[in-house]
C-alpha atoms as a PDB file:
ATOM      1  CA  MET A   1      28.183   5.554  -7.918  1.00  0.00           C
ATOM      2  CA  ASN A   2      29.834   8.663  -9.394  1.00  0.00           C
ATOM      3  CA  ILE A   3      26.451   9.298 -11.163  1.00  0.00           C
ATOM      4  CA  LEU A   4      24.307   7.889  -8.323  1.00  0.00           C
ATOM      5  CA  LEU A   5      25.438  10.374  -5.991  1.00  0.00           C
ATOM      6  CA  LYS A   6      25.506  13.114  -7.920  1.00  0.00           C
ATOM      7  CA  THR A   7      21.959  12.777  -9.405  1.00  0.00           C
ATOM      8  CA  LEU A   8      20.837  11.855  -6.057  1.00  0.00           C
ATOM      9  CA  PHE A   9      22.694  15.333  -4.512  1.00  0.00           C
ATOM     10  CA  SER A  10      20.852  17.508  -7.270  1.00  0.00           C
ATOM     11  CA  THR A  11      17.254  15.891  -6.588  1.00  0.00           C
ATOM     12  CA  SER A  12      17.228  15.865  -3.439  1.00  0.00           C
ATOM     13  CA  LEU A  13      17.735  19.507  -2.659  1.00  0.00           C
ATOM     14  CA  ILE A  14      14.668  20.910  -4.494  1.00  0.00           C
ATOM     15  CA  TYR A  15      12.114  17.976  -3.109  1.00  0.00           C
ATOM     16  CA  LEU A  16      13.225  18.979   0.434  1.00  0.00           C
ATOM     17  CA  PHE A  17      10.363  20.035   2.804  1.00  0.00           C
ATOM     18  CA  SER A  18       4.676   7.949   8.967  1.00  0.00           C
ATOM     19  CA  PHE A  19       1.533   9.288   8.806  1.00  0.00           C
ATOM     20  CA  GLN A  20       1.413   9.721  12.725  1.00  0.00           C
ATOM     21  CA  LEU A  21      -0.032  12.915  13.698  1.00  0.00           C
ATOM     22  CA  LEU A  22      -0.202  14.557  17.295  1.00  0.00           C
ATOM     23  CA  TYR A  23      -4.279  14.069  16.685  1.00  0.00           C
ATOM     24  CA  PRO A  24      -6.224  11.699  15.265  1.00  0.00           C
ATOM     25  CA  GLN A  25      -7.433  13.196  11.618  1.00  0.00           C
ATOM     26  CA  ASN A  26      -8.019  12.546   8.302  1.00  0.00           C
ATOM     27  CA  GLU A  27      -5.995  13.138   5.175  1.00  0.00           C
ATOM     28  CA  ILE A  28      -7.339  16.421   2.670  1.00  0.00           C
ATOM     29  CA  SER A  29      -6.647  17.873  -0.432  1.00  0.00           C
ATOM     30  CA  ILE A  30      -5.220  21.475  -0.637  1.00  0.00           C
ATOM     31  CA  ASP A  31      -6.933  24.074  -1.845  1.00  0.00           C
ATOM     32  CA  ASN A  32      -4.649  26.785  -2.415  1.00  0.00           C
ATOM     33  CA  ASN A  33      -7.315  29.392  -3.450  1.00  0.00           C
ATOM     34  CA  ALA A  34      -8.254  29.400   0.233  1.00  0.00           C
ATOM     35  CA  VAL A  35      -4.317  30.116   0.900  1.00  0.00           C
ATOM     36  CA  PRO A  36      -4.144  34.179   2.463  1.00  0.00           C
ATOM     37  CA  ALA A  37      -1.545  36.013   0.581  1.00  0.00           C
ATOM     38  CA  PRO A  38       1.770  34.820   0.906  1.00  0.00           C
ATOM     39  CA  LYS A  39       4.431  36.627   3.057  1.00  0.00           C
ATOM     40  CA  LEU A  40       6.860  36.839   0.649  1.00  0.00           C
ATOM     41  CA  LEU A  41       9.414  39.653   0.230  1.00  0.00           C
ATOM     42  CA  VAL A  42      11.263  40.356  -2.941  1.00  0.00           C
ATOM     43  CA  GLY A  43      15.084  39.874  -1.926  1.00  0.00           C
ATOM     44  CA  GLU A  44      14.538  37.387   0.507  1.00  0.00           C
ATOM     45  CA  GLU A  45      16.970  34.793   0.198  1.00  0.00           C
ATOM     46  CA  TYR A  46      18.241  31.776   2.058  1.00  0.00           C
ATOM     47  CA  THR A  47      21.400  29.480   1.962  1.00  0.00           C
ATOM     48  CA  TYR A  48      21.697  26.283   3.338  1.00  0.00           C
ATOM     49  CA  ILE A  49      24.881  23.624   3.771  1.00  0.00           C
ATOM     50  CA  VAL A  50      23.890  20.251   2.263  1.00  0.00           C
ATOM     51  CA  LYS A  51      25.660  17.425   4.486  1.00  0.00           C
ATOM     52  CA  TYR A  52      25.670  13.909   3.751  1.00  0.00           C
ATOM     53  CA  ALA A  53      27.300  11.979   6.558  1.00  0.00           C
ATOM     54  CA  PHE A  54      30.463  13.598   7.607  1.00  0.00           C
ATOM     55  CA  LEU A  55      31.181  15.313   4.456  1.00  0.00           C
ATOM     56  CA  ASN A  56      29.773  18.671   3.209  1.00  0.00           C
ATOM     57  CA  LEU A  57      28.626  18.419  -0.273  1.00  0.00           C
ATOM     58  CA  GLY A  58      27.604  21.832  -1.441  1.00  0.00           C
ATOM     59  CA  GLU A  59      25.373  24.662  -0.937  1.00  0.00           C
ATOM     60  CA  LEU A  60      21.614  25.422  -1.999  1.00  0.00           C
ATOM     61  CA  ARG A  61      20.433  28.950  -2.382  1.00  0.00           C
ATOM     62  CA  ILE A  62      16.946  29.912  -2.692  1.00  0.00           C
ATOM     63  CA  ASN A  63      15.964  33.416  -3.173  1.00  0.00           C
ATOM     64  CA  VAL A  64      12.500  35.626  -4.400  1.00  0.00           C
ATOM     65  CA  PHE A  65      13.829  37.774  -6.975  1.00  0.00           C
ATOM     66  CA  ALA A  66      10.887  39.621  -8.585  1.00  0.00           C
ATOM     67  CA  LYS A  67       7.091  40.243  -8.331  1.00  0.00           C
ATOM     68  CA  ASP A  68       5.467  41.053 -11.172  1.00  0.00           C
ATOM     69  CA  THR A  69       1.928  41.289 -12.636  1.00  0.00           C
ATOM     70  CA  ILE A  70       1.207  39.128 -15.511  1.00  0.00           C
ATOM     71  CA  ASP A  71      -2.029  38.521 -17.110  1.00  0.00           C
ATOM     72  CA  GLY A  72      -3.838  40.561 -14.338  1.00  0.00           C
ATOM     73  CA  LYS A  73      -1.912  38.171 -11.681  1.00  0.00           C
ATOM     74  CA  ILE A  74       0.562  38.849  -9.325  1.00  0.00           C
ATOM     75  CA  ILE A  75       3.467  36.562 -10.053  1.00  0.00           C
ATOM     76  CA  TYR A  76       6.251  35.939  -7.829  1.00  0.00           C
ATOM     77  CA  LYS A  77       9.639  34.718  -9.295  1.00  0.00           C
ATOM     78  CA  SER A  78      11.894  32.563  -7.495  1.00  0.00           C
ATOM     79  CA  ARG A  79      15.408  30.579  -8.102  1.00  0.00           C
ATOM     80  CA  ALA A  80      17.141  27.970  -6.739  1.00  0.00           C
ATOM     81  CA  TYR A  81      21.076  27.626  -7.048  1.00  0.00           C
ATOM     82  CA  ILE A  82      22.640  24.180  -6.494  1.00  0.00           C
ATOM     83  CA  ASP A  83      26.290  23.861  -6.246  1.00  0.00           C
ATOM     84  CA  SER A  84      28.590  21.183  -4.850  1.00  0.00           C
ATOM     85  CA  TYR A  85      32.101  22.108  -3.478  1.00  0.00           C
ATOM     86  CA  GLU A  86      35.181  21.967  -5.449  1.00  0.00           C
ATOM     87  CA  GLY A  87      37.337  19.395  -4.571  1.00  0.00           C
ATOM     88  CA  LEU A  88      35.026  16.198  -4.014  1.00  0.00           C
ATOM     89  CA  PRO A  89      36.083  13.313  -5.987  1.00  0.00           C
ATOM     90  CA  PHE A  90      32.476  11.935  -6.414  1.00  0.00           C
ATOM     91  CA  VAL A  91      30.089  14.758  -7.220  1.00  0.00           C
ATOM     92  CA  ASP A  92      30.468  18.041  -9.490  1.00  0.00           C
ATOM     93  CA  ILE A  93      27.192  19.853 -10.125  1.00  0.00           C
ATOM     94  CA  HIS A  94      26.012  23.074 -10.621  1.00  0.00           C
ATOM     95  CA  GLN A  95      22.110  23.683 -11.410  1.00  0.00           C
ATOM     96  CA  ILE A  96      19.767  26.852 -11.637  1.00  0.00           C
ATOM     97  CA  HIS A  97      16.096  25.546 -11.072  1.00  0.00           C
ATOM     98  CA  GLU A  98      13.663  28.700 -11.512  1.00  0.00           C
ATOM     99  CA  SER A  99       9.747  28.701 -10.771  1.00  0.00           C
ATOM    100  CA  TRP A 100       7.328  31.470 -10.943  1.00  0.00           C
ATOM    101  CA  PHE A 101       3.819  31.026  -9.178  1.00  0.00           C
ATOM    102  CA  ASP A 102       0.788  33.076  -8.517  1.00  0.00           C
ATOM    103  CA  SER A 103      -0.427  34.251  -5.140  1.00  0.00           C
ATOM    104  CA  SER A 104      -2.242  31.119  -4.905  1.00  0.00           C
ATOM    105  CA  PHE A 105       1.107  29.122  -5.072  1.00  0.00           C
ATOM    106  CA  TYR A 106       0.331  27.361  -8.314  1.00  0.00           C
ATOM    107  CA  PRO A 107       3.128  27.780 -10.842  1.00  0.00           C
ATOM    108  CA  VAL A 108       3.027  29.231 -14.078  1.00  0.00           C
ATOM    109  CA  TYR A 109       6.406  28.665 -15.608  1.00  0.00           C
ATOM    110  CA  PHE A 110       9.213  26.327 -14.193  1.00  0.00           C
ATOM    111  CA  GLN A 111      12.918  25.719 -15.619  1.00  0.00           C
ATOM    112  CA  ALA A 112      15.742  23.865 -14.537  1.00  0.00           C
ATOM    113  CA  LEU A 113      18.924  24.313 -15.889  1.00  0.00           C
ATOM    114  CA  ILE A 114      22.385  21.593 -15.823  1.00  0.00           C
ATOM    115  CA  LEU A 115      25.322  23.368 -16.369  1.00  0.00           C
ATOM    116  CA  ASN A 116      27.493  20.809 -18.008  1.00  0.00           C
ATOM    117  CA  LYS A 117      31.203  21.278 -19.025  1.00  0.00           C
ATOM    118  CA  ASN A 118      30.203  21.723 -22.790  1.00  0.00           C
ATOM    119  CA  ASP A 119      26.892  22.557 -22.705  1.00  0.00           C
ATOM    120  CA  THR A 120      23.622  23.537 -20.695  1.00  0.00           C
ATOM    121  CA  SER A 121      20.748  21.408 -20.749  1.00  0.00           C
ATOM    122  CA  TYR A 122      17.306  22.941 -19.946  1.00  0.00           C
ATOM    123  CA  THR A 123      13.659  21.614 -19.034  1.00  0.00           C
ATOM    124  CA  ARG A 124      10.430  24.101 -19.104  1.00  0.00           C
ATOM    125  CA  TYR A 125       7.027  23.839 -18.301  1.00  0.00           C
ATOM    126  CA  PHE A 126       4.341  26.320 -19.160  1.00  0.00           C
ATOM    127  CA  PHE A 127       1.341  25.709 -17.090  1.00  0.00           C
ATOM    128  CA  GLN A 128      -1.768  26.643 -19.209  1.00  0.00           C
ATOM    129  CA  ASN A 129      -4.820  27.982 -17.386  1.00  0.00           C
ATOM    130  CA  ASP A 130      -6.816  25.131 -18.619  1.00  0.00           C
ATOM    131  CA  ASN A 131      -4.830  22.605 -16.876  1.00  0.00           C
ATOM    132  CA  ARG A 132      -2.280  21.845 -19.768  1.00  0.00           C
ATOM    133  CA  VAL A 133       1.463  21.716 -19.632  1.00  0.00           C
ATOM    134  CA  HIS A 134       3.742  22.890 -22.789  1.00  0.00           C
ATOM    135  CA  ILE A 135       7.121  21.266 -22.194  1.00  0.00           C
ATOM    136  CA  ILE A 136      10.309  22.036 -23.959  1.00  0.00           C
ATOM    137  CA  LYS A 137      13.526  20.533 -23.664  1.00  0.00           C
ATOM    138  CA  GLY A 138      16.688  21.040 -25.234  1.00  0.00           C
ATOM    139  CA  GLU A 139      20.520  22.378 -25.071  1.00  0.00           C
ATOM    140  CA  MET A 140      21.522  25.761 -24.875  1.00  0.00           C
ATOM    141  CA  ASN A 141      23.888  25.809 -27.793  1.00  0.00           C
ATOM    142  CA  SER A 142      21.580  23.836 -30.140  1.00  0.00           C
ATOM    143  CA  THR A 143      18.476  25.280 -31.919  1.00  0.00           C
ATOM    144  CA  LYS A 144      16.820  21.933 -32.250  1.00  0.00           C
ATOM    145  CA  THR A 145      14.770  20.797 -28.897  1.00  0.00           C
ATOM    146  CA  VAL A 146      15.006  17.454 -27.950  1.00  0.00           C
ATOM    147  CA  ARG A 147      11.352  17.475 -26.677  1.00  0.00           C
ATOM    148  CA  ASP A 148       8.449  19.653 -27.250  1.00  0.00           C
ATOM    149  CA  THR A 149       4.845  18.807 -26.444  1.00  0.00           C
ATOM    150  CA  VAL A 150       1.855  19.488 -24.744  1.00  0.00           C
ATOM    151  CA  ILE A 151      -0.011  17.445 -22.128  1.00  0.00           C
ATOM    152  CA  ASN A 152      -3.577  17.599 -20.661  1.00  0.00           C
ATOM    153  CA  LEU A 153      -3.747  17.124 -16.550  1.00  0.00           C
ATOM    154  CA  ASP A 154      -7.135  16.940 -14.906  1.00  0.00           C
ATOM    155  CA  LYS A 155      -6.196  19.765 -12.508  1.00  0.00           C
ATOM    156  CA  ARG A 156      -3.303  22.446 -11.227  1.00  0.00           C
ATOM    157  CA  PHE A 157       0.023  21.013  -9.871  1.00  0.00           C
ATOM    158  CA  GLN A 158       2.988  22.085  -7.614  1.00  0.00           C
ATOM    159  CA  ASP A 159       6.622  21.769  -9.595  1.00  0.00           C
ATOM    160  CA  GLY A 160       9.275  20.843  -7.086  1.00  0.00           C
ATOM    161  CA  LEU A 161      10.166  24.573  -6.161  1.00  0.00           C
ATOM    162  CA  SER A 162       6.926  26.071  -5.761  1.00  0.00           C
ATOM    163  CA  LEU A 163       6.115  23.060  -3.280  1.00  0.00           C
ATOM    164  CA  LEU A 164       8.565  24.536  -1.147  1.00  0.00           C
ATOM    165  CA  PHE A 165       6.813  27.851  -1.284  1.00  0.00           C
ATOM    166  CA  THR A 166       3.453  26.446  -0.631  1.00  0.00           C
ATOM    167  CA  ALA A 167       4.349  24.373   1.894  1.00  0.00           C
ATOM    168  CA  ARG A 168       5.456  27.260   4.210  1.00  0.00           C
ATOM    169  CA  TYR A 169       1.938  28.434   4.642  1.00  0.00           C
ATOM    170  CA  HIS A 170      -0.169  25.910   5.993  1.00  0.00           C
ATOM    171  CA  PHE A 171       1.116  25.666   9.664  1.00  0.00           C
ATOM    172  CA  GLY A 172      -1.515  26.893  12.303  1.00  0.00           C
ATOM    173  CA  PHE A 173      -3.025  23.292  13.643  1.00  0.00           C
ATOM    174  CA  SER A 174      -2.334  19.717  13.268  1.00  0.00           C
ATOM    175  CA  HIS A 175      -3.426  18.531   9.851  1.00  0.00           C
ATOM    176  CA  THR A 176      -2.183  16.639   6.684  1.00  0.00           C
ATOM    177  CA  ILE A 177      -2.386  17.859   3.149  1.00  0.00           C
ATOM    178  CA  LEU A 178      -1.875  15.786   0.011  1.00  0.00           C
ATOM    179  CA  PHE A 179      -0.474  18.113  -2.665  1.00  0.00           C
ATOM    180  CA  PRO A 180      -0.508  17.479  -6.211  1.00  0.00           C
ATOM    181  CA  CYS A 181       2.796  17.558  -7.980  1.00  0.00           C
ATOM    182  CA  TYR A 182       4.007  17.754 -11.759  1.00  0.00           C
ATOM    183  CA  ILE A 183       7.745  16.603 -11.031  1.00  0.00           C
ATOM    184  CA  GLY A 184      10.032  14.649 -13.631  1.00  0.00           C
ATOM    185  CA  GLU A 185       7.430  15.148 -16.731  1.00  0.00           C
ATOM    186  CA  ASP A 186       5.014  12.849 -14.538  1.00  0.00           C
ATOM    187  CA  THR A 187       2.361  13.475 -11.900  1.00  0.00           C
ATOM    188  CA  SER A 188       2.628  12.428  -8.538  1.00  0.00           C
ATOM    189  CA  SER A 189       2.034  14.077  -4.967  1.00  0.00           C
ATOM    190  CA  ALA A 190       3.582  14.867  -1.627  1.00  0.00           C
ATOM    191  CA  LEU A 191       1.676  14.173   1.683  1.00  0.00           C
ATOM    192  CA  ILE A 192       2.703  16.642   4.363  1.00  0.00           C
ATOM    193  CA  ASN A 193       1.595  16.433   7.637  1.00  0.00           C
ATOM    194  CA  TYR A 194       1.684  19.582   9.853  1.00  0.00           C
ATOM    195  CA  TYR A 195       2.311  19.909  13.721  1.00  0.00           C
ATOM    196  CA  TYR A 196       1.035  22.221  15.838  1.00  0.00           C
ATOM    197  CA  ASN A 197       2.871  22.433  19.074  1.00  0.00           C
ATOM    198  CA  ASP A 198       6.274  24.601  18.883  1.00  0.00           C
ATOM    199  CA  GLU A 199       9.948  23.206  19.037  1.00  0.00           C
ATOM    200  CA  ASP A 200      13.083  24.619  19.865  1.00  0.00           C
ATOM    201  CA  ILE A 201      15.863  24.017  17.102  1.00  0.00           C
ATOM    202  CA  SER A 202      19.468  24.643  16.829  1.00  0.00           C
ATOM    203  CA  ILE A 203      21.721  25.498  14.238  1.00  0.00           C
ATOM    204  CA  ASP A 204      25.020  26.336  13.861  1.00  0.00           C
ATOM    205  CA  ALA A 205      24.805  29.916  12.205  1.00  0.00           C
ATOM    206  CA  VAL A 206      22.655  31.060  15.483  1.00  0.00           C
ATOM    207  CA  ASP A 207      23.860  31.030  19.026  1.00  0.00           C
ATOM    208  CA  TYR A 208      20.068  30.923  20.472  1.00  0.00           C
ATOM    209  CA  SER A 209      17.435  28.127  20.066  1.00  0.00           C
ATOM    210  CA  ILE A 210      15.099  29.026  17.396  1.00  0.00           C
ATOM    211  CA  LYS A 211      11.179  28.780  18.028  1.00  0.00           C
ATOM    212  CA  SER A 212      10.053  26.235  15.375  1.00  0.00           C
ATOM    213  CA  LEU A 213       7.527  24.171  13.830  1.00  0.00           C
ATOM    214  CA  ARG A 214       7.873  20.629  12.485  1.00  0.00           C
ATOM    215  CA  LEU A 215       6.400  18.842   9.782  1.00  0.00           C
ATOM    216  CA  ASP A 216       6.855  15.578   8.105  1.00  0.00           C
ATOM    217  CA  GLY A 217       5.660  13.466   5.249  1.00  0.00           C
ATOM    218  CA  THR A 218       6.333  11.383   2.377  1.00  0.00           C
ATOM    219  CA  ALA A 219       7.092  11.987  -1.070  1.00  0.00           C
ATOM    220  CA  ASN A 220       4.793   9.777  -3.418  1.00  0.00           C
ATOM    221  CA  PHE A 221       7.245  10.201  -6.471  1.00  0.00           C
ATOM    222  CA  SER A 222      10.446   8.540  -7.212  1.00  0.00           C
ATOM    223  CA  GLY A 223      13.581  10.650  -8.290  1.00  0.00           C
ATOM    224  CA  ILE A 224      16.119   8.982 -10.247  1.00  0.00           C
ATOM    225  CA  PHE A 225      18.089   6.548  -8.560  1.00  0.00           C
ATOM    226  CA  GLY A 226      15.297   6.264  -5.842  1.00  0.00           C
ATOM    227  CA  PHE A 227      14.770   9.341  -4.058  1.00  0.00           C
ATOM    228  CA  THR A 228      11.247   9.060  -2.574  1.00  0.00           C
ATOM    229  CA  GLY A 229       9.312   8.401   0.921  1.00  0.00           C
ATOM    230  CA  TYR A 230      10.053  10.207   4.106  1.00  0.00           C
ATOM    231  CA  PHE A 231      11.485  13.547   4.876  1.00  0.00           C
ATOM    232  CA  GLU A 232      10.967  15.972   7.560  1.00  0.00           C
ATOM    233  CA  GLY A 233      11.708  19.652   8.348  1.00  0.00           C
ATOM    234  CA  TRP A 234      11.801  22.373  11.023  1.00  0.00           C
ATOM    235  CA  PHE A 235      10.348  25.843   9.744  1.00  0.00           C
ATOM    236  CA  SER A 236      10.565  28.824  11.795  1.00  0.00           C
ATOM    237  CA  ASP A 237       7.247  29.896  14.257  1.00  0.00           C
ATOM    238  CA  ASP A 238       6.937  33.262  12.670  1.00  0.00           C
ATOM    239  CA  GLU A 239       4.752  34.762   9.513  1.00  0.00           C
ATOM    240  CA  PHE A 240       7.412  33.768   7.041  1.00  0.00           C
ATOM    241  CA  HIS A 241       7.594  29.874   8.229  1.00  0.00           C
ATOM    242  CA  VAL A 242      11.493  29.941   6.832  1.00  0.00           C
ATOM    243  CA  PRO A 243      12.839  26.059   6.501  1.00  0.00           C
ATOM    244  CA  LEU A 244      15.523  26.056   9.114  1.00  0.00           C
ATOM    245  CA  THR A 245      16.806  22.605   8.626  1.00  0.00           C
ATOM    246  CA  ALA A 246      15.658  19.152   7.083  1.00  0.00           C
ATOM    247  CA  ASP A 247      16.323  15.466   6.595  1.00  0.00           C
ATOM    248  CA  LEU A 248      15.786  13.690   3.757  1.00  0.00           C
ATOM    249  CA  GLN A 249      15.811   9.915   2.971  1.00  0.00           C
ATOM    250  CA  VAL A 250      17.495   8.671   0.183  1.00  0.00           C
ATOM    251  CA  LEU A 251      19.000   5.486  -1.754  1.00  0.00           C
ATOM    252  CA  ILE A 252      22.550   5.819   0.275  1.00  0.00           C
ATOM    253  CA  GLY A 253      21.306   7.056   3.409  1.00  0.00           C
ATOM    254  CA  ASN A 254      20.200  10.330   5.006  1.00  0.00           C
ATOM    255  CA  VAL A 255      21.043  13.761   3.706  1.00  0.00           C
ATOM    256  CA  THR A 256      20.553  16.813   6.126  1.00  0.00           C
ATOM    257  CA  LEU A 257      20.072  20.538   5.060  1.00  0.00           C
ATOM    258  CA  GLU A 258      20.932  23.392   7.343  1.00  0.00           C
ATOM    259  CA  LEU A 259      20.464  27.153   7.379  1.00  0.00           C
ATOM    260  CA  ILE A 260      23.791  29.016   7.138  1.00  0.00           C
ATOM    261  CA  ASP A 261      22.743  32.351   5.732  1.00  0.00           C
ATOM    262  CA  TRP A 262      20.021  34.748   4.911  1.00  0.00           C
ATOM    263  CA  ASN A 263      19.055  38.505   4.465  1.00  0.00           C
ATOM    264  CA  ASN A 264      19.252  39.762   7.881  1.00  0.00           C
ATOM    265  CA  ASN A 265      17.344  43.158   7.163  1.00  0.00           C
ATOM    266  CA  LEU A 266      14.583  41.106   5.993  1.00  0.00           C
ATOM    267  CA  TRP A 267      14.496  38.429   8.714  1.00  0.00           C
ATOM    268  CA  GLN A 268      15.791  37.122  11.621  1.00  0.00           C
ATOM    269  CA  PRO A 269      14.864  33.567  13.480  1.00  0.00           C
ATOM    270  CA  PRO A 270      12.870  34.010  16.245  1.00  0.00           C
ATOM    271  CA  ALA A 271      13.816  33.294  19.657  1.00  0.00           C
ATOM    272  CA  TYR A 272      12.594  30.252  21.441  1.00  0.00           C
ATOM    273  CA  ASN A 273      11.541  30.851  25.358  1.00  0.00           C
ATOM    274  CA  GLU A 274      10.361  28.474  27.541  1.00  0.00           C
END
């Protein structure tokens, strides 16, 4: 159970954010080249508390820390920090995930660091222009790699962190999008249903109702120990579409994420008006 909860906690956080929609519609595949330039700001940062039943397990912090030009392309660099709270008897986890993606939200680089007591293990994906992925795995304290290989894919894919960012920019009308994903060194997908009508949502960090938009969907991949299936989330109904809260179904039950902190100089939650 110790290993089970630890793995579920780390895996579930990154793949946050049934098929019944407000209006009849068909599933469509995503064309990220048609997506307008993302409304991302260097320095934006959002922190979420992670809850399981009556327990506060830890925090997830996501930011955009740089914007560069690489090979003539604008590249956004993002990180996710996953930290359990001290003193929990069944989980002790500290991870850092990093994704670099272009203005069409396709990743060019992904790295996952797992901070252990004695060493740090890493997994790196280098997404290449010819739909190949170079995978390198190893330990920081070792010069040897556990895996170093190149695989061929038939199209471009999202990693777990870039999926969260691209999901933010497809609101506007009720529709369904199938996002191809490369997660856990395997090809898969996430089906996301977007809803048009705005909703009021409340979080503890704000003393007013927030104007939000809802999505739900299905993760068509299996994480370790059974993370898969249905999820739903609420995003701010403004040009940024910031994730506010989300519910995830995992093997042991329901995990909730809720926004608790952000950069006040760059964004404020929009108020809901009747």
